[in-house]
Amino acid sequence: MHPRVAKLYLEFMQLAPHAATFCGSTTAYRAAVQEGFSATRVVPGTPEFAHSLAKGRSVLGRLQDLITVRKYRAMVKRYSWSSYKNKQELVALLGETKAQNELLGLNNRDVYGYDDHYCHHAPSKPMGGEGDFSEK
């Protein structure tokens, strides 16, 4: 096995404990990875080899992103202030739509420049203010 392919294979296998929920079990995930790596043999140094390696890296990156998002959502659900209140209290405090967004973890989208329709826009006021040392 080519060293770059072996490294990619090892990275996939190291994600097995975290990615097992996508396939059902760690054994099923490992079997799927082994099947994917043994499906086709490509000669190193060819364009097909580079394409296959790039595709594997892309799939690995997407899998790592999915795991990161899942961990982040679990952390927000566990430690967010809204997790300490039940839905009726949140509806009384915020209203129905804002309470639903808070429970789903979608309430901070304005921080990243998105409006209520998930359209990206530039911030309305410039960053800075007091303590802004840029030239005027």
N, C-alpha and C. Protein backbone atom coordinates (compact mmCIF):
# COMPACT_ATOMS: atom_id res chain seq x y z
N MET A 1 0.85 -1.17 0.00
CA MET A 1 0.00 0.00 0.00
C MET A 1 0.90 1.24 0.00
N HIS A 2 0.55 2.20 -0.81
CA HIS A 2 1.31 3.45 -0.91
C HIS A 2 1.25 4.19 0.44
N PRO A 3 2.33 4.84 0.85
CA PRO A 3 2.34 5.51 2.16
C PRO A 3 1.26 6.58 2.33
N ARG A 4 0.93 7.31 1.26
CA ARG A 4 -0.11 8.32 1.37
C ARG A 4 -1.49 7.69 1.53
N VAL A 5 -1.69 6.56 0.87
CA VAL A 5 -2.95 5.84 1.02
C VAL A 5 -3.04 5.23 2.41
N ALA A 6 -1.93 4.71 2.91
CA ALA A 6 -1.92 4.13 4.26
C ALA A 6 -2.21 5.19 5.31
N LYS A 7 -1.68 6.40 5.12
CA LYS A 7 -1.94 7.48 6.07
C LYS A 7 -3.41 7.88 6.05
N LEU A 8 -3.99 7.96 4.86
CA LEU A 8 -5.41 8.29 4.73
C LEU A 8 -6.27 7.21 5.37
N TYR A 9 -5.91 5.95 5.15
CA TYR A 9 -6.62 4.82 5.75
C TYR A 9 -6.56 4.90 7.27
N LEU A 10 -5.39 5.21 7.81
CA LEU A 10 -5.22 5.33 9.26
C LEU A 10 -6.09 6.45 9.82
N GLU A 11 -6.16 7.58 9.11
CA GLU A 11 -6.98 8.69 9.57
C GLU A 11 -8.46 8.31 9.59
N PHE A 12 -8.91 7.57 8.57
CA PHE A 12 -10.29 7.09 8.58
C PHE A 12 -10.54 6.15 9.75
N MET A 13 -9.60 5.26 10.02
CA MET A 13 -9.78 4.31 11.11
C MET A 13 -9.74 4.98 12.48
N GLN A 14 -8.99 6.06 12.61
CA GLN A 14 -8.95 6.76 13.89
C GLN A 14 -10.26 7.47 14.19
N LEU A 15 -11.06 7.74 13.18
CA LEU A 15 -12.36 8.36 13.39
C LEU A 15 -13.45 7.35 13.72
N ALA A 16 -13.13 6.08 13.75
CA ALA A 16 -14.13 5.02 13.94
C ALA A 16 -14.98 5.21 15.20
N PRO A 17 -14.41 5.52 16.38
CA PRO A 17 -15.26 5.67 17.56
C PRO A 17 -16.26 6.82 17.43
N HIS A 18 -15.87 7.88 16.72
CA HIS A 18 -16.75 9.04 16.59
C HIS A 18 -17.74 8.90 15.45
N ALA A 19 -17.34 8.22 14.39
CA ALA A 19 -18.17 8.11 13.19
C ALA A 19 -19.05 6.87 13.21
N ALA A 20 -18.97 6.09 14.24
CA ALA A 20 -19.73 4.83 14.29
C ALA A 20 -21.23 5.07 14.27
N THR A 21 -21.69 6.22 14.79
CA THR A 21 -23.13 6.47 14.83
C THR A 21 -23.70 6.69 13.44
N PHE A 22 -22.87 7.06 12.46
CA PHE A 22 -23.37 7.25 11.10
C PHE A 22 -23.63 5.91 10.42
N CYS A 23 -22.88 4.87 10.79
CA CYS A 23 -23.01 3.55 10.16
C CYS A 23 -23.73 2.54 11.05
N GLY A 24 -23.92 2.84 12.28
CA GLY A 24 -24.59 1.91 13.18
C GLY A 24 -23.67 1.35 14.24
N SER A 25 -22.46 0.97 13.87
CA SER A 25 -21.51 0.44 14.84
C SER A 25 -20.09 0.66 14.32
N THR A 26 -19.14 0.51 15.22
CA THR A 26 -17.74 0.66 14.84
C THR A 26 -17.34 -0.41 13.84
N THR A 27 -17.83 -1.62 14.02
CA THR A 27 -17.51 -2.71 13.11
C THR A 27 -18.02 -2.44 11.70
N ALA A 28 -19.25 -1.93 11.61
CA ALA A 28 -19.82 -1.62 10.30
C ALA A 28 -19.05 -0.49 9.62
N TYR A 29 -18.65 0.52 10.41
CA TYR A 29 -17.87 1.63 9.85
C TYR A 29 -16.53 1.13 9.32
N ARG A 30 -15.84 0.33 10.12
CA ARG A 30 -14.53 -0.19 9.69
C ARG A 30 -14.67 -1.07 8.45
N ALA A 31 -15.73 -1.87 8.38
CA ALA A 31 -15.95 -2.71 7.20
C ALA A 31 -16.21 -1.85 5.96
N ALA A 32 -16.96 -0.76 6.13
CA ALA A 32 -17.23 0.13 5.00
C ALA A 32 -15.95 0.81 4.52
N VAL A 33 -15.09 1.22 5.46
CA VAL A 33 -13.82 1.85 5.08
C VAL A 33 -12.93 0.84 4.37
N GLN A 34 -12.84 -0.38 4.90
CA GLN A 34 -12.01 -1.41 4.26
C GLN A 34 -12.52 -1.72 2.86
N GLU A 35 -13.82 -1.78 2.71
CA GLU A 35 -14.39 -2.05 1.39
C GLU A 35 -14.08 -0.91 0.42
N GLY A 36 -14.14 0.32 0.90
CA GLY A 36 -13.84 1.46 0.05
C GLY A 36 -12.38 1.50 -0.39
N PHE A 37 -11.49 1.10 0.50
CA PHE A 37 -10.07 1.13 0.15
C PHE A 37 -9.64 -0.07 -0.69
N SER A 38 -10.36 -1.16 -0.60
CA SER A 38 -9.97 -2.33 -1.38
C SER A 38 -10.76 -2.45 -2.68
N ALA A 39 -11.63 -1.50 -2.97
CA ALA A 39 -12.50 -1.59 -4.14
C ALA A 39 -11.69 -1.53 -5.44
N THR A 40 -10.86 -0.54 -5.59
CA THR A 40 -10.10 -0.40 -6.84
C THR A 40 -8.64 -0.16 -6.52
N ARG A 41 -7.79 -0.75 -7.33
CA ARG A 41 -6.34 -0.54 -7.21
C ARG A 41 -5.93 0.42 -8.32
N VAL A 42 -5.27 1.49 -7.94
CA VAL A 42 -4.81 2.47 -8.92
C VAL A 42 -3.30 2.58 -8.79
N VAL A 43 -2.62 2.68 -9.92
CA VAL A 43 -1.16 2.75 -9.94
C VAL A 43 -0.72 4.13 -9.45
N PRO A 44 0.18 4.18 -8.45
CA PRO A 44 0.67 5.48 -7.97
C PRO A 44 1.38 6.24 -9.08
N GLY A 45 1.20 7.56 -9.06
CA GLY A 45 1.84 8.41 -10.05
C GLY A 45 0.94 8.74 -11.23
N THR A 46 -0.21 8.11 -11.34
CA THR A 46 -1.12 8.39 -12.44
C THR A 46 -2.13 9.46 -12.01
N PRO A 47 -2.78 10.09 -12.97
CA PRO A 47 -3.80 11.09 -12.62
C PRO A 47 -4.97 10.47 -11.84
N GLU A 48 -5.28 9.21 -12.13
CA GLU A 48 -6.36 8.54 -11.40
C GLU A 48 -6.01 8.39 -9.92
N PHE A 49 -4.74 8.12 -9.65
CA PHE A 49 -4.27 7.99 -8.27
C PHE A 49 -4.44 9.31 -7.53
N ALA A 50 -4.02 10.40 -8.17
CA ALA A 50 -4.15 11.72 -7.55
C ALA A 50 -5.61 12.08 -7.33
N HIS A 51 -6.47 11.73 -8.30
CA HIS A 51 -7.90 12.00 -8.17
C HIS A 51 -8.50 11.19 -7.03
N SER A 52 -8.15 9.93 -6.94
CA SER A 52 -8.68 9.07 -5.87
C SER A 52 -8.22 9.55 -4.50
N LEU A 53 -6.97 9.96 -4.40
CA LEU A 53 -6.44 10.47 -3.14
C LEU A 53 -7.15 11.77 -2.74
N ALA A 54 -7.38 12.65 -3.72
CA ALA A 54 -8.08 13.91 -3.44
C ALA A 54 -9.52 13.65 -3.02
N LYS A 55 -10.16 12.68 -3.65
CA LYS A 55 -11.53 12.33 -3.28
C LYS A 55 -11.58 11.77 -1.86
N GLY A 56 -10.62 10.93 -1.51
CA GLY A 56 -10.56 10.40 -0.15
C GLY A 56 -10.34 11.48 0.88
N ARG A 57 -9.46 12.44 0.57
CA ARG A 57 -9.22 13.57 1.47
C ARG A 57 -10.49 14.40 1.65
N SER A 58 -11.22 14.59 0.55
CA SER A 58 -12.47 15.35 0.60
C SER A 58 -13.50 14.66 1.48
N VAL A 59 -13.66 13.37 1.31
CA VAL A 59 -14.61 12.61 2.13
C VAL A 59 -14.19 12.64 3.60
N LEU A 60 -12.90 12.52 3.86
CA LEU A 60 -12.39 12.59 5.23
C LEU A 60 -12.69 13.95 5.85
N GLY A 61 -12.48 15.02 5.09
CA GLY A 61 -12.76 16.36 5.59
C GLY A 61 -14.23 16.56 5.92
N ARG A 62 -15.11 16.07 5.04
CA ARG A 62 -16.55 16.19 5.31
C ARG A 62 -16.95 15.38 6.54
N LEU A 63 -16.37 14.22 6.70
CA LEU A 63 -16.66 13.40 7.88
C LEU A 63 -16.19 14.09 9.15
N GLN A 64 -15.00 14.68 9.11
CA GLN A 64 -14.50 15.41 10.28
C GLN A 64 -15.39 16.61 10.59
N ASP A 65 -15.88 17.29 9.55
CA ASP A 65 -16.79 18.42 9.77
C ASP A 65 -18.10 17.96 10.40
N LEU A 66 -18.65 16.84 9.93
CA LEU A 66 -19.88 16.32 10.52
C LEU A 66 -19.70 15.97 11.99
N ILE A 67 -18.58 15.37 12.32
CA ILE A 67 -18.30 15.01 13.71
C ILE A 67 -18.17 16.27 14.56
N THR A 68 -17.48 17.28 14.03
CA THR A 68 -17.32 18.54 14.76
C THR A 68 -18.66 19.21 15.02
N VAL A 69 -19.51 19.27 14.01
CA VAL A 69 -20.83 19.89 14.17
C VAL A 69 -21.66 19.11 15.18
N ARG A 70 -21.62 17.79 15.11
CA ARG A 70 -22.39 16.98 16.06
C ARG A 70 -21.92 17.22 17.49
N LYS A 71 -20.60 17.29 17.70
CA LYS A 71 -20.07 17.56 19.04
C LYS A 71 -20.45 18.96 19.51
N TYR A 72 -20.39 19.94 18.60
CA TYR A 72 -20.74 21.31 18.96
C TYR A 72 -22.21 21.39 19.37
N ARG A 73 -23.08 20.77 18.59
CA ARG A 73 -24.51 20.81 18.92
C ARG A 73 -24.80 20.12 20.25
N ALA A 74 -24.11 19.03 20.52
CA ALA A 74 -24.29 18.35 21.81
C ALA A 74 -23.82 19.23 22.95
N MET A 75 -22.71 19.94 22.75
CA MET A 75 -22.19 20.83 23.79
C MET A 75 -23.15 21.99 24.03
N VAL A 76 -23.68 22.59 22.96
CA VAL A 76 -24.62 23.69 23.11
C VAL A 76 -25.88 23.21 23.80
N LYS A 77 -26.35 22.04 23.42
CA LYS A 77 -27.56 21.50 24.04
C LYS A 77 -27.34 21.24 25.53
N ARG A 78 -26.15 20.80 25.88
CA ARG A 78 -25.86 20.48 27.27
C ARG A 78 -25.62 21.73 28.12
N TYR A 79 -24.91 22.72 27.59
CA TYR A 79 -24.47 23.84 28.41
C TYR A 79 -25.15 25.17 28.12
N SER A 80 -26.03 25.25 27.14
CA SER A 80 -26.70 26.50 26.83
C SER A 80 -27.68 26.86 27.94
N TRP A 81 -27.88 28.14 28.12
CA TRP A 81 -28.79 28.57 29.18
C TRP A 81 -30.21 28.10 28.90
N SER A 82 -30.57 27.94 27.63
CA SER A 82 -31.92 27.51 27.30
C SER A 82 -32.17 26.06 27.67
N SER A 83 -31.11 25.28 27.88
CA SER A 83 -31.32 23.88 28.25
C SER A 83 -31.77 23.75 29.70
N TYR A 84 -31.64 24.82 30.47
CA TYR A 84 -32.07 24.78 31.86
C TYR A 84 -33.52 25.23 32.03
N LYS A 85 -34.16 25.62 30.95
CA LYS A 85 -35.55 26.04 31.00
C LYS A 85 -36.37 25.10 30.12
N ASN A 86 -37.63 24.92 30.49
CA ASN A 86 -38.48 24.10 29.63
C ASN A 86 -39.07 24.98 28.52
N LYS A 87 -39.73 24.37 27.57
CA LYS A 87 -40.21 25.10 26.39
C LYS A 87 -41.24 26.16 26.76
N GLN A 88 -42.12 25.88 27.71
CA GLN A 88 -43.14 26.85 28.09
C GLN A 88 -42.52 28.12 28.66
N GLU A 89 -41.46 27.98 29.47
CA GLU A 89 -40.79 29.16 30.02
C GLU A 89 -40.13 29.98 28.91
N LEU A 90 -39.52 29.29 27.95
CA LEU A 90 -38.88 30.01 26.85
C LEU A 90 -39.90 30.73 25.97
N VAL A 91 -41.05 30.10 25.72
CA VAL A 91 -42.09 30.75 24.93
C VAL A 91 -42.61 31.98 25.65
N ALA A 92 -42.77 31.89 26.97
CA ALA A 92 -43.22 33.04 27.74
C ALA A 92 -42.20 34.18 27.71
N LEU A 93 -40.92 33.83 27.73
CA LEU A 93 -39.86 34.85 27.73
C LEU A 93 -39.62 35.45 26.36
N LEU A 94 -39.56 34.61 25.32
CA LEU A 94 -39.07 35.05 24.02
C LEU A 94 -40.12 35.08 22.92
N GLY A 95 -41.18 34.36 23.05
CA GLY A 95 -42.12 34.20 21.96
C GLY A 95 -41.88 32.86 21.28
N GLU A 96 -42.84 32.43 20.47
CA GLU A 96 -42.80 31.08 19.89
C GLU A 96 -41.62 30.86 18.95
N THR A 97 -41.41 31.76 17.98
CA THR A 97 -40.36 31.52 16.98
C THR A 97 -38.97 31.64 17.58
N LYS A 98 -38.76 32.65 18.42
CA LYS A 98 -37.43 32.80 19.02
C LYS A 98 -37.14 31.65 19.98
N ALA A 99 -38.16 31.17 20.68
CA ALA A 99 -37.96 30.03 21.58
C ALA A 99 -37.59 28.78 20.78
N GLN A 100 -38.27 28.57 19.66
CA GLN A 100 -37.96 27.42 18.81
C GLN A 100 -36.54 27.51 18.27
N ASN A 101 -36.14 28.70 17.82
CA ASN A 101 -34.77 28.89 17.33
C ASN A 101 -33.75 28.68 18.43
N GLU A 102 -34.06 29.12 19.63
CA GLU A 102 -33.13 28.95 20.75
C GLU A 102 -32.98 27.46 21.08
N LEU A 103 -34.06 26.73 21.04
CA LEU A 103 -33.99 25.30 21.33
C LEU A 103 -33.22 24.55 20.25
N LEU A 104 -33.30 25.03 19.01
CA LEU A 104 -32.56 24.39 17.92
C LEU A 104 -31.13 24.87 17.82
N GLY A 105 -30.79 25.94 18.54
CA GLY A 105 -29.43 26.46 18.48
C GLY A 105 -29.20 27.39 17.30
N LEU A 106 -30.28 28.00 16.78
CA LEU A 106 -30.16 28.87 15.62
C LEU A 106 -30.25 30.35 15.98
N ASN A 107 -30.22 30.68 17.25
CA ASN A 107 -30.50 32.04 17.67
C ASN A 107 -29.32 32.97 17.49
N ASN A 108 -28.12 32.49 17.22
CA ASN A 108 -26.97 33.36 17.12
C ASN A 108 -26.57 33.66 15.68
N ARG A 109 -27.46 33.46 14.73
CA ARG A 109 -27.09 33.65 13.32
C ARG A 109 -26.79 35.11 13.00
N ASP A 110 -27.36 36.08 13.76
CA ASP A 110 -27.08 37.48 13.49
C ASP A 110 -25.62 37.83 13.77
N VAL A 111 -24.98 37.08 14.65
CA VAL A 111 -23.57 37.32 14.96
C VAL A 111 -22.71 37.08 13.72
N TYR A 112 -23.11 36.14 12.89
CA TYR A 112 -22.33 35.79 11.71
C TYR A 112 -22.81 36.52 10.46
N GLY A 113 -23.72 37.49 10.60
CA GLY A 113 -24.14 38.30 9.47
C GLY A 113 -25.30 37.75 8.68
N TYR A 114 -26.16 36.93 9.27
CA TYR A 114 -27.32 36.39 8.59
C TYR A 114 -28.58 37.00 9.17
N ASP A 115 -29.58 37.26 8.30
CA ASP A 115 -30.84 37.80 8.79
C ASP A 115 -31.82 36.67 9.06
N ASP A 116 -33.10 37.03 9.28
CA ASP A 116 -34.10 36.02 9.63
C ASP A 116 -34.38 35.03 8.51
N HIS A 117 -34.05 35.40 7.27
CA HIS A 117 -34.28 34.52 6.13
C HIS A 117 -33.01 33.80 5.71
N TYR A 118 -32.00 33.81 6.58
CA TYR A 118 -30.71 33.16 6.34
C TYR A 118 -29.99 33.71 5.12
N CYS A 119 -30.19 35.00 4.83
CA CYS A 119 -29.46 35.66 3.75
C CYS A 119 -28.29 36.39 4.38
N HIS A 120 -27.12 36.25 3.79
CA HIS A 120 -25.92 36.87 4.35
C HIS A 120 -25.90 38.35 3.98
N HIS A 121 -25.59 39.19 4.93
CA HIS A 121 -25.47 40.62 4.67
C HIS A 121 -24.28 41.16 5.45
N ALA A 122 -23.81 42.31 5.02
CA ALA A 122 -22.68 42.95 5.70
C ALA A 122 -23.16 43.52 7.03
N PRO A 123 -22.31 43.58 8.03
CA PRO A 123 -22.71 44.17 9.30
C PRO A 123 -23.15 45.62 9.10
N SER A 124 -24.19 46.05 9.84
CA SER A 124 -24.73 47.39 9.65
C SER A 124 -23.83 48.46 10.23
N LYS A 125 -23.10 48.16 11.28
CA LYS A 125 -22.19 49.15 11.84
C LYS A 125 -20.78 48.60 11.77
N PRO A 126 -19.81 49.47 11.54
CA PRO A 126 -18.44 48.99 11.43
C PRO A 126 -17.91 48.50 12.76
N MET A 127 -16.98 47.58 12.68
CA MET A 127 -16.33 47.10 13.88
C MET A 127 -15.47 48.23 14.43
N GLY A 128 -15.28 48.25 15.70
CA GLY A 128 -14.44 49.29 16.29
C GLY A 128 -15.23 50.06 17.32
N GLY A 129 -15.10 51.38 17.29
CA GLY A 129 -15.77 52.20 18.29
C GLY A 129 -14.73 52.70 19.26
N GLU A 130 -15.05 52.72 20.52
CA GLU A 130 -14.07 53.12 21.52
C GLU A 130 -12.92 52.13 21.51
N GLY A 131 -11.74 52.62 21.58
CA GLY A 131 -10.59 51.75 21.55
C GLY A 131 -10.13 51.42 20.15
N ASP A 132 -10.79 52.02 19.14
CA ASP A 132 -10.39 51.79 17.76
C ASP A 132 -9.23 52.73 17.46
N PHE A 133 -8.08 52.20 17.16
CA PHE A 133 -6.89 53.00 16.99
C PHE A 133 -6.54 53.22 15.52
N SER A 134 -7.48 52.98 14.63
CA SER A 134 -7.19 53.20 13.22
C SER A 134 -7.17 54.69 12.93
N GLU A 135 -6.52 55.06 11.83
CA GLU A 135 -6.43 56.48 11.48
C GLU A 135 -7.79 57.00 11.06
N LYS A 136 -8.04 58.27 11.42
CA LYS A 136 -9.34 58.85 11.09
C LYS A 136 -9.19 59.97 10.11
